[in-house]
Amino acid sequence: MDMVFLSRLQFASTTIFHFIFVPISIGLVFLIAIMETMYVKSGNEEYKKMAKFWGKLFLINFVIGIVTGILQEFQFGMNWSNYSRFVGDVFGAPLAIEALLAFFMESTFIGLWIFGWDRLSKKVHLACIWLTSIGTILSAFWILIANSFMQHPVGYEINNNRAEMNDFFALITNGQALVEIPHTVLGALATGAFLVTGISAYKMLKKQEVEFFKKSFQVGITVALISTFLTMVAGHAQAQYLVETQPMKMAASEGLWETSEDPAPWTVSAFIDVDKKENTGEIKIPYLLSILSYNTLDGSVKGMNELQAEYTQKYGEGNYIPPVKTTFWSFRIMVVAGTLMLLFGIYGVYLAWKKKLVSKSNKWFYRFMVAGISLPIIANTSGWIMTEIGRQPWTVFGLMITEDSISPSVSAGQVLFSVIAFSSIYAILGIIMVFLFVKVIKKGPYLMDKKEKKVNNDPFAKEGFHV
């Protein structure tokens, strides 16, 4: 039982599971804020019902997300104490700000939004949901600031064998963060939008509350298309930044063993032989890698063999080539999922614009949209895997390798036990979330609305005695 492997497995499994909920929360609350804005502007009660209905799903997801997220920061001290000791002065600052500022902001205004429907003015209540949305984005901002330091360390100095912050402004204006944050946040908006459109498509297929879910679909598909397109634009900028700061990750994501020809073609697929350091059966698109890397029709990209020699000279003996197959294919899975999201978004907006959403001929599309709920989750997960695996063997690029980051006093057996325990708990939480989602979706907005009216008219319920 390899301690490094088990520690990485635990962190990867818990983080991937947690990262399902985070983008949904960011995207869903943004859509709810749009719906409530439409209600306040138009006075149309239907938009109020939409905000309340989708708000219930957001709250379920938010609570589960909090529970799954608590473990993340504890792992830095439990399994990665050497890492925490080395970069805690830098890495801990944005995480502390996220917890003390952004999370408390979210929690405060979520509470006001939940209990303020009949107690606050429309505009004040609307401000609460927008501030909640801003809070979720700020949470992502500070966490990604910390992650960006791991990808491209800036604003620090080495003192007593520790990385200590000497420039906070450099940390928050890290070039890696400037490309990583828009890509991640826009992807989160797309995640929430595809959840709304997928559920709405399911309800329209079942011919349940068709007008309500048609409006929800229109809002969702518009945000889905815009955010997906902008996610691709931001992702393109991030790929170009990788060429400069993490060329080995870029080379691994393209399966480039030798420096590419000029102009560089983009490899669609290939059979990668890691032992022989060669590829066979490659399918390539001419010029495309040069365009992706430099926005020009010419330019070569360095290969892993050349970069390995450079890194050995710079950092000392070692294998600096990441797991190539995982990096290569996770990038392509992300691209395929993103492309399908864009196509679905374009066609959905076209149907909404032509007022053809409610049509028997569109049943096939609604089925695709229900399945499309998974597309941004797949894209988010594969993109995160590519980002983190492609950085290996580094925990902090150029400063600390992964095998030097683990806790020396924790045994492999202890980590294995915790992996099994946490995986079991997370599986239970996942089942609970799905059960609650299905329950709310089946009830629908109008049945829930009738129940709320019944409770509001019950004098005992107002005093807290309603069971």
Protein backbone atom coordinates (compact mmCIF):
# COMPACT_ATOMS: atom_id res chain seq x y z
CA MET A 1 0.00 0.00 0.00
CA ASP A 2 1.68 3.15 -1.26
CA MET A 3 1.12 6.05 1.13
CA VAL A 4 1.46 8.68 -1.62
CA PHE A 5 -1.03 6.89 -3.87
CA LEU A 6 -3.57 6.42 -1.06
CA SER A 7 -3.31 10.06 0.04
CA ARG A 8 -3.78 11.23 -3.52
CA LEU A 9 -6.68 8.81 -4.01
CA GLN A 10 -8.43 10.11 -0.92
CA PHE A 11 -7.99 13.75 -1.83
CA ALA A 12 -9.02 13.14 -5.44
CA SER A 13 -12.14 11.14 -4.57
CA THR A 14 -13.42 13.55 -1.92
CA THR A 15 -12.63 16.62 -4.02
CA ILE A 16 -14.25 15.25 -7.18
CA PHE A 17 -17.39 14.43 -5.20
CA HIS A 18 -17.42 17.88 -3.57
CA PHE A 19 -16.82 19.55 -6.93
CA ILE A 20 -20.11 18.15 -8.23
CA PHE A 21 -22.04 20.35 -5.79
CA VAL A 22 -20.01 23.56 -5.94
CA PRO A 23 -20.66 24.42 -9.62
CA ILE A 24 -24.34 23.51 -9.23
CA SER A 25 -24.65 25.93 -6.29
CA ILE A 26 -22.87 28.77 -8.12
CA GLY A 27 -24.89 28.30 -11.30
CA LEU A 28 -28.27 27.57 -9.72
CA VAL A 29 -28.29 30.56 -7.36
CA PHE A 30 -27.31 32.83 -10.27
CA LEU A 31 -30.33 31.60 -12.24
CA ILE A 32 -32.60 32.02 -9.22
CA ALA A 33 -31.40 35.61 -8.89
CA ILE A 34 -32.29 36.22 -12.56
CA MET A 35 -35.74 34.70 -12.06
CA GLU A 36 -36.46 36.82 -9.00
CA THR A 37 -35.23 39.91 -10.85
CA MET A 38 -37.77 39.15 -13.58
CA TYR A 39 -40.43 38.83 -10.88
CA VAL A 40 -39.56 42.17 -9.27
CA LYS A 41 -39.43 43.93 -12.65
CA SER A 42 -42.58 42.43 -14.16
CA GLY A 43 -44.67 41.61 -11.09
CA ASN A 44 -45.42 38.23 -12.71
CA GLU A 45 -46.06 35.74 -9.89
CA GLU A 46 -44.91 32.89 -12.13
CA TYR A 47 -41.30 34.08 -11.83
CA LYS A 48 -41.66 34.18 -8.06
CA LYS A 49 -42.81 30.56 -8.10
CA MET A 50 -39.81 29.74 -10.30
CA ALA A 51 -37.40 31.34 -7.83
CA LYS A 52 -38.99 29.42 -4.94
CA PHE A 53 -39.06 26.08 -6.72
CA TRP A 54 -35.46 26.17 -7.95
CA GLY A 55 -34.49 27.69 -4.61
CA LYS A 56 -35.49 24.47 -2.85
CA LEU A 57 -33.15 22.46 -5.06
CA PHE A 58 -30.39 25.00 -4.48
CA LEU A 59 -30.76 24.74 -0.70
CA ILE A 60 -30.59 20.93 -0.77
CA ASN A 61 -27.48 21.06 -2.94
CA PHE A 62 -25.91 23.82 -0.83
CA VAL A 63 -26.30 21.87 2.42
CA ILE A 64 -24.83 18.67 0.96
CA GLY A 65 -22.02 20.72 -0.55
CA ILE A 66 -21.13 22.20 2.83
CA VAL A 67 -20.94 18.75 4.43
CA THR A 68 -18.72 17.37 1.66
CA GLY A 69 -16.52 20.47 1.68
CA ILE A 70 -15.67 20.47 5.38
CA LEU A 71 -13.31 17.56 4.90
CA GLN A 72 -11.20 19.25 2.22
CA GLU A 73 -9.30 21.66 4.43
CA PHE A 74 -8.86 19.08 7.20
CA GLN A 75 -6.99 16.84 4.76
CA PHE A 76 -4.21 19.40 4.39
CA GLY A 77 -3.37 18.93 8.05
CA MET A 78 -4.10 15.21 8.25
CA ASN A 79 -2.59 13.73 5.09
CA TRP A 80 -0.48 16.60 3.75
CA SER A 81 1.20 18.09 6.82
CA ASN A 82 4.58 18.59 5.11
CA TYR A 83 2.83 20.51 2.37
CA SER A 84 0.89 22.61 4.89
CA ARG A 85 4.06 23.32 6.84
CA PHE A 86 5.89 24.45 3.70
CA VAL A 87 3.25 26.67 2.06
CA GLY A 88 0.76 27.28 4.89
CA ASP A 89 1.72 30.94 5.19
CA VAL A 90 0.76 31.53 1.54
CA PHE A 91 -1.87 28.87 0.86
CA GLY A 92 -3.73 29.37 4.14
CA ALA A 93 -4.45 33.08 3.64
CA PRO A 94 -6.95 32.81 0.74
CA LEU A 95 -8.61 29.78 2.35
CA ALA A 96 -9.07 31.73 5.59
CA ILE A 97 -10.54 34.70 3.72
CA GLU A 98 -12.90 32.34 1.88
CA ALA A 99 -14.17 30.88 5.16
CA LEU A 100 -14.38 34.13 7.12
CA LEU A 101 -15.68 36.42 4.38
CA ALA A 102 -17.28 34.64 1.44
CA PHE A 103 -18.84 31.66 3.24
CA PHE A 104 -20.30 33.80 6.03
CA MET A 105 -21.64 36.18 3.39
CA GLU A 106 -23.36 33.30 1.60
CA SER A 107 -24.79 31.86 4.81
CA THR A 108 -26.09 35.20 6.10
CA PHE A 109 -27.91 36.20 2.95
CA ILE A 110 -29.24 32.70 2.28
CA GLY A 111 -30.91 32.86 5.70
CA LEU A 112 -32.38 36.28 4.96
CA TRP A 113 -33.61 35.05 1.59
CA ILE A 114 -35.25 31.91 3.00
CA PHE A 115 -37.14 33.65 5.81
CA GLY A 116 -37.59 37.05 4.22
CA TRP A 117 -40.19 36.41 1.51
CA ASP A 118 -43.04 38.01 3.44
CA ARG A 119 -40.92 40.13 5.78
CA LEU A 120 -38.62 42.10 3.48
CA SER A 121 -39.48 44.43 0.63
CA LYS A 122 -39.17 42.96 -2.87
CA LYS A 123 -36.00 44.87 -3.67
CA VAL A 124 -34.27 44.08 -0.38
CA HIS A 125 -35.19 40.42 -0.77
CA LEU A 126 -33.87 40.47 -4.32
CA ALA A 127 -30.62 42.00 -3.06
CA CYS A 128 -30.26 39.07 -0.66
CA ILE A 129 -30.25 36.46 -3.42
CA TRP A 130 -27.84 38.49 -5.56
CA LEU A 131 -25.50 38.87 -2.59
CA THR A 132 -25.74 35.12 -2.03
CA SER A 133 -24.77 34.60 -5.66
CA ILE A 134 -21.86 37.01 -5.31
CA GLY A 135 -20.83 35.17 -2.15
CA THR A 136 -20.65 31.82 -3.95
CA ILE A 137 -18.51 33.37 -6.68
CA LEU A 138 -16.23 34.96 -4.07
CA SER A 139 -15.81 31.55 -2.43
CA ALA A 140 -14.69 30.14 -5.75
CA PHE A 141 -12.42 33.16 -6.27
CA TRP A 142 -10.43 32.64 -3.06
CA ILE A 143 -10.17 28.88 -3.45
CA LEU A 144 -8.94 29.29 -7.02
CA ILE A 145 -6.42 31.90 -5.85
CA ALA A 146 -4.98 29.20 -3.58
CA ASN A 147 -5.03 26.62 -6.38
CA SER A 148 -3.41 29.05 -8.81
CA PHE A 149 -0.46 29.42 -6.44
CA MET A 150 0.04 25.65 -6.70
CA GLN A 151 0.02 25.91 -10.50
CA HIS A 152 2.14 29.06 -10.76
CA PRO A 153 3.66 30.21 -7.43
CA VAL A 154 4.05 34.00 -7.08
CA GLY A 155 4.20 36.55 -4.25
CA TYR A 156 6.41 34.50 -1.93
CA GLU A 157 9.96 34.13 -0.65
CA ILE A 158 11.73 31.09 0.82
CA ASN A 159 12.64 31.66 4.48
CA ASN A 160 13.76 28.90 6.88
CA ASN A 161 12.80 26.28 4.28
CA ARG A 162 9.23 27.62 4.13
CA ALA A 163 7.40 29.61 1.48
CA GLU A 164 6.29 32.88 3.08
CA MET A 165 4.04 35.47 1.48
CA ASN A 166 5.71 38.78 0.67
CA ASP A 167 3.27 40.20 -1.90
CA PHE A 168 -0.46 39.65 -1.38
CA PHE A 169 -1.32 41.73 -4.45
CA ALA A 170 0.85 39.47 -6.63
CA LEU A 171 -1.04 36.48 -5.22
CA ILE A 172 -4.48 37.80 -6.16
CA THR A 173 -3.32 39.04 -9.58
CA ASN A 174 -1.56 35.78 -10.44
CA GLY A 175 -1.75 35.27 -14.20
CA GLN A 176 -2.89 31.69 -13.63
CA ALA A 177 -5.80 32.94 -11.51
CA LEU A 178 -6.80 35.49 -14.16
CA VAL A 179 -7.40 32.68 -16.67
CA GLU A 180 -8.48 29.93 -14.26
CA ILE A 181 -11.19 31.86 -12.37
CA PRO A 182 -13.29 32.94 -15.41
CA HIS A 183 -13.08 29.45 -16.91
CA THR A 184 -14.21 27.77 -13.68
CA VAL A 185 -16.95 30.24 -12.72
CA LEU A 186 -18.44 30.36 -16.22
CA GLY A 187 -18.39 26.56 -16.29
CA ALA A 188 -20.30 26.61 -12.99
CA LEU A 189 -22.96 28.90 -14.46
CA ALA A 190 -23.34 26.44 -17.33
CA THR A 191 -23.68 23.58 -14.83
CA GLY A 192 -26.59 25.25 -13.04
CA ALA A 193 -28.19 26.19 -16.35
CA PHE A 194 -28.07 22.64 -17.72
CA LEU A 195 -29.57 21.34 -14.48
CA VAL A 196 -32.52 23.72 -14.89
CA THR A 197 -32.99 22.94 -18.59
CA GLY A 198 -32.67 19.19 -18.04
CA ILE A 199 -35.27 19.07 -15.26
CA SER A 200 -37.54 21.42 -17.23
CA ALA A 201 -37.22 19.19 -20.31
CA TYR A 202 -38.15 16.14 -18.21
CA LYS A 203 -41.28 17.84 -16.86
CA MET A 204 -42.32 18.98 -20.35
CA LEU A 205 -41.84 15.42 -21.62
CA LYS A 206 -44.21 14.29 -18.86
CA LYS A 207 -46.58 17.15 -19.78
CA GLN A 208 -46.51 18.44 -16.21
CA GLU A 209 -46.74 22.20 -15.48
CA VAL A 210 -45.68 22.81 -19.09
CA GLU A 211 -45.94 26.61 -19.09
CA PHE A 212 -44.00 26.93 -15.85
CA PHE A 213 -41.16 24.73 -17.02
CA LYS A 214 -41.17 26.26 -20.49
CA LYS A 215 -40.32 29.61 -18.89
CA SER A 216 -37.66 27.94 -16.75
CA PHE A 217 -36.23 26.27 -19.83
CA GLN A 218 -36.05 29.58 -21.69
CA VAL A 219 -34.10 31.23 -18.87
CA GLY A 220 -31.87 28.20 -18.40
CA ILE A 221 -31.03 27.59 -22.06
CA THR A 222 -30.12 31.25 -22.61
CA VAL A 223 -27.66 31.20 -19.70
CA ALA A 224 -26.44 27.76 -20.82
CA LEU A 225 -25.53 28.96 -24.32
CA ILE A 226 -23.87 32.21 -23.24
CA SER A 227 -21.91 30.67 -20.36
CA THR A 228 -20.80 27.64 -22.39
CA PHE A 229 -19.48 29.82 -25.20
CA LEU A 230 -17.65 32.11 -22.75
CA THR A 231 -16.26 29.08 -20.91
CA MET A 232 -14.68 27.95 -24.17
CA VAL A 233 -13.21 31.40 -24.76
CA ALA A 234 -11.76 31.46 -21.22
CA GLY A 235 -10.50 27.89 -21.63
CA HIS A 236 -8.68 28.91 -24.81
CA ALA A 237 -6.93 31.70 -22.89
CA GLN A 238 -6.01 29.24 -20.14
CA ALA A 239 -4.50 26.80 -22.66
CA GLN A 240 -2.35 29.57 -24.12
CA TYR A 241 -1.15 30.50 -20.63
CA LEU A 242 -0.13 26.87 -20.05
CA VAL A 243 2.22 27.04 -23.03
CA GLU A 244 4.17 29.73 -21.16
CA THR A 245 4.01 28.59 -17.52
CA GLN A 246 3.43 24.80 -17.58
CA PRO A 247 4.62 23.60 -21.00
CA MET A 248 4.99 20.03 -19.72
CA LYS A 249 1.26 19.90 -18.88
CA MET A 250 0.44 21.29 -22.31
CA ALA A 251 2.69 18.73 -24.01
CA ALA A 252 1.17 15.86 -21.98
CA SER A 253 -2.37 17.01 -22.79
CA GLU A 254 -1.43 16.77 -26.49
CA GLY A 255 0.58 13.54 -26.19
CA LEU A 256 3.63 15.29 -27.63
CA TRP A 257 6.80 13.31 -26.96
CA GLU A 258 8.91 15.25 -29.42
CA THR A 259 8.67 18.94 -30.20
CA SER A 260 5.93 19.41 -32.78
CA GLU A 261 6.40 20.41 -36.38
CA ASP A 262 5.71 23.99 -37.42
CA PRO A 263 2.80 24.59 -37.93
CA ALA A 264 1.59 22.22 -35.21
CA PRO A 265 -1.40 19.93 -35.82
CA TRP A 266 -3.84 19.06 -33.04
CA THR A 267 -4.15 15.36 -32.21
CA VAL A 268 -7.78 14.25 -32.05
CA SER A 269 -6.95 10.75 -30.79
CA ALA A 270 -3.97 8.42 -30.51
CA PHE A 271 -2.74 5.17 -28.99
CA ILE A 272 -0.14 6.27 -26.46
CA ASP A 273 2.70 3.96 -25.49
CA VAL A 274 4.21 5.42 -22.33
CA ASP A 275 7.03 2.85 -22.11
CA LYS A 276 8.27 3.45 -25.64
CA LYS A 277 7.38 7.17 -25.49
CA GLU A 278 5.61 7.12 -28.82
CA ASN A 279 2.13 7.29 -30.28
CA THR A 280 0.48 5.25 -33.00
CA GLY A 281 -2.78 5.57 -34.92
CA GLU A 282 -2.84 9.36 -34.56
CA ILE A 283 -5.66 11.38 -36.09
CA LYS A 284 -4.59 15.00 -36.51
CA ILE A 285 -6.10 18.30 -37.63
CA PRO A 286 -3.47 20.48 -39.37
CA TYR A 287 -2.62 23.93 -37.94
CA LEU A 288 -5.08 23.63 -35.06
CA LEU A 289 -2.55 23.27 -32.21
CA SER A 290 -0.69 26.37 -33.43
CA ILE A 291 -3.98 28.28 -33.46
CA LEU A 292 -4.90 27.04 -29.98
CA SER A 293 -1.45 27.86 -28.59
CA TYR A 294 -0.60 31.14 -30.32
CA ASN A 295 -3.66 32.34 -32.31
CA THR A 296 -1.57 32.03 -35.48
CA LEU A 297 -1.19 29.49 -38.27
CA ASP A 298 2.41 28.80 -37.34
CA GLY A 299 4.42 27.97 -34.23
CA SER A 300 5.64 24.72 -32.69
CA VAL A 301 5.00 23.32 -29.20
CA LYS A 302 7.76 21.77 -27.11
CA GLY A 303 7.61 18.01 -26.54
CA MET A 304 7.92 16.11 -23.27
CA ASN A 305 11.34 14.66 -24.02
CA GLU A 306 12.88 18.08 -24.59
CA LEU A 307 11.15 19.51 -21.52
CA GLN A 308 12.26 16.53 -19.40
CA ALA A 309 15.87 17.35 -20.26
CA GLU A 310 15.32 21.03 -19.40
CA TYR A 311 13.62 20.23 -16.07
CA THR A 312 16.35 17.75 -15.12
CA GLN A 313 18.95 20.44 -15.68
CA LYS A 314 16.91 23.01 -13.73
CA TYR A 315 15.44 20.96 -10.86
CA GLY A 316 17.74 17.93 -10.62
CA GLU A 317 17.30 14.25 -11.40
CA GLY A 318 13.73 12.94 -11.53
CA ASN A 319 10.81 12.07 -13.78
CA TYR A 320 8.92 15.27 -14.57
CA ILE A 321 6.53 13.75 -17.11
CA PRO A 322 2.97 13.48 -15.71
CA PRO A 323 0.62 10.53 -16.34
CA VAL A 324 0.26 11.14 -20.08
CA LYS A 325 -2.76 8.99 -20.91
CA THR A 326 -4.87 10.48 -18.11
CA THR A 327 -3.88 14.05 -19.01
CA PHE A 328 -4.42 13.45 -22.74
CA TRP A 329 -7.83 11.81 -22.54
CA SER A 330 -9.29 13.91 -19.71
CA PHE A 331 -8.66 16.98 -21.87
CA ARG A 332 -10.47 15.41 -24.83
CA ILE A 333 -13.40 14.29 -22.68
CA MET A 334 -13.75 17.89 -21.50
CA VAL A 335 -13.65 19.17 -25.10
CA VAL A 336 -16.27 16.69 -26.32
CA ALA A 337 -18.60 17.44 -23.39
CA GLY A 338 -18.18 21.19 -23.94
CA THR A 339 -18.88 20.88 -27.66
CA LEU A 340 -22.10 18.96 -27.03
CA MET A 341 -23.14 21.60 -24.48
CA LEU A 342 -22.63 24.33 -27.07
CA LEU A 343 -24.64 22.44 -29.72
CA PHE A 344 -27.48 21.76 -27.27
CA GLY A 345 -27.46 25.40 -26.23
CA ILE A 346 -27.62 26.68 -29.81
CA TYR A 347 -30.49 24.38 -30.75
CA GLY A 348 -32.40 25.10 -27.52
CA VAL A 349 -32.13 28.87 -28.01
CA TYR A 350 -33.25 28.42 -31.62
CA LEU A 351 -36.38 26.55 -30.49
CA ALA A 352 -37.13 29.19 -27.86
CA TRP A 353 -36.63 32.01 -30.38
CA LYS A 354 -38.92 30.27 -32.93
CA LYS A 355 -41.45 29.53 -30.15
CA LYS A 356 -41.28 25.81 -30.94
CA LEU A 357 -40.43 24.52 -27.48
CA VAL A 358 -43.81 22.85 -26.94
CA SER A 359 -43.87 20.46 -29.88
CA LYS A 360 -44.14 16.69 -30.23
CA SER A 361 -41.28 16.75 -32.73
CA ASN A 362 -38.91 17.96 -30.01
CA LYS A 363 -39.25 14.95 -27.73
CA TRP A 364 -35.89 13.59 -28.86
CA PHE A 365 -34.24 16.89 -27.95
CA TYR A 366 -35.82 16.94 -24.48
CA ARG A 367 -34.46 13.44 -23.86
CA PHE A 368 -31.01 14.66 -24.85
CA MET A 369 -31.38 17.64 -22.50
CA VAL A 370 -32.26 15.37 -19.58
CA ALA A 371 -29.07 13.41 -20.25
CA GLY A 372 -27.33 16.75 -20.82
CA ILE A 373 -27.49 17.47 -17.08
CA SER A 374 -24.40 15.27 -16.82
CA LEU A 375 -22.40 17.05 -19.54
CA PRO A 376 -21.09 20.02 -17.51
CA ILE A 377 -20.40 17.71 -14.55
CA ILE A 378 -18.32 15.50 -16.85
CA ALA A 379 -16.58 18.56 -18.30
CA ASN A 380 -15.86 20.04 -14.86
CA THR A 381 -14.52 16.76 -13.48
CA SER A 382 -12.35 15.88 -16.47
CA GLY A 383 -11.03 19.45 -16.64
CA TRP A 384 -10.09 19.36 -12.96
CA ILE A 385 -8.38 15.96 -13.40
CA MET A 386 -6.40 17.29 -16.36
CA THR A 387 -5.37 20.39 -14.38
CA GLU A 388 -4.20 18.49 -11.30
CA ILE A 389 -2.79 15.31 -12.86
CA GLY A 390 -1.00 17.35 -15.52
CA ARG A 391 0.91 19.20 -12.78
CA GLN A 392 2.46 16.01 -11.42
CA PRO A 393 4.97 15.26 -9.99
CA TRP A 394 4.61 18.69 -8.40
CA THR A 395 2.33 19.71 -5.55
CA VAL A 396 3.54 23.29 -5.98
CA PHE A 397 5.01 23.64 -9.42
CA GLY A 398 8.77 24.07 -9.29
CA LEU A 399 8.89 24.15 -5.48
CA MET A 400 7.63 20.92 -3.93
CA ILE A 401 6.97 17.46 -5.32
CA THR A 402 4.01 15.35 -4.24
CA GLU A 403 5.93 12.58 -2.48
CA ASP A 404 7.55 15.16 -0.19
CA SER A 405 4.16 16.65 0.75
CA ILE A 406 2.51 13.81 2.68
CA SER A 407 2.29 13.41 6.46
CA PRO A 408 5.18 11.30 7.81
CA SER A 409 3.30 10.21 10.94
CA VAL A 410 0.19 8.80 9.21
CA SER A 411 0.26 5.16 8.15
CA ALA A 412 -1.03 3.76 4.87
CA GLY A 413 -3.52 1.60 6.79
CA GLN A 414 -5.04 4.67 8.44
CA VAL A 415 -5.42 6.42 5.11
CA LEU A 416 -6.95 3.32 3.52
CA PHE A 417 -9.49 3.07 6.34
CA SER A 418 -10.42 6.74 5.94
CA VAL A 419 -10.74 6.34 2.16
CA ILE A 420 -13.26 3.53 2.66
CA ALA A 421 -15.11 5.38 5.43
CA PHE A 422 -15.34 8.69 3.60
CA SER A 423 -16.34 7.02 0.33
CA SER A 424 -19.17 5.21 2.12
CA ILE A 425 -20.38 8.40 3.81
CA TYR A 426 -20.23 10.34 0.54
CA ALA A 427 -22.18 7.61 -1.25
CA ILE A 428 -24.91 7.90 1.39
CA LEU A 429 -24.95 11.69 1.02
CA GLY A 430 -25.24 11.31 -2.75
CA ILE A 431 -28.23 8.98 -2.37
CA ILE A 432 -29.89 11.40 0.05
CA MET A 433 -29.42 14.31 -2.34
CA VAL A 434 -30.87 12.40 -5.30
CA PHE A 435 -33.83 11.26 -3.17
CA LEU A 436 -34.59 14.82 -2.05
CA PHE A 437 -34.18 16.21 -5.56
CA VAL A 438 -36.57 13.63 -6.98
CA LYS A 439 -39.09 14.31 -4.21
CA VAL A 440 -39.12 18.07 -4.86
CA ILE A 441 -39.25 17.64 -8.65
CA LYS A 442 -42.15 15.19 -8.44
CA LYS A 443 -44.17 17.55 -6.24
CA GLY A 444 -43.64 20.38 -8.68
CA PRO A 445 -44.08 24.10 -8.03
CA TYR A 446 -47.85 24.27 -7.66
CA LEU A 447 -48.31 21.39 -5.20
CA MET A 448 -45.54 22.92 -3.09
CA ASP A 449 -47.23 26.30 -3.34
CA LYS A 450 -50.56 24.87 -2.10
CA LYS A 451 -48.80 23.20 0.82
CA GLU A 452 -47.09 26.47 1.75
CA LYS A 453 -50.45 28.29 1.69
CA LYS A 454 -51.96 25.64 3.93
CA VAL A 455 -49.12 26.05 6.41
CA ASN A 456 -49.35 29.85 6.27
CA ASN A 457 -53.08 29.68 7.06
CA ASP A 458 -52.49 27.37 10.01
CA PRO A 459 -52.21 29.48 13.21
CA PHE A 460 -50.32 26.70 14.95
CA ALA A 461 -47.81 26.55 12.08
CA LYS A 462 -47.12 30.27 12.44
CA GLU A 463 -46.21 29.67 16.06
CA GLY A 464 -43.96 26.74 15.15
CA PHE A 465 -46.33 23.94 16.23
CA HIS A 466 -47.07 22.58 12.77
CA VAL A 467 -45.98 18.96 12.25
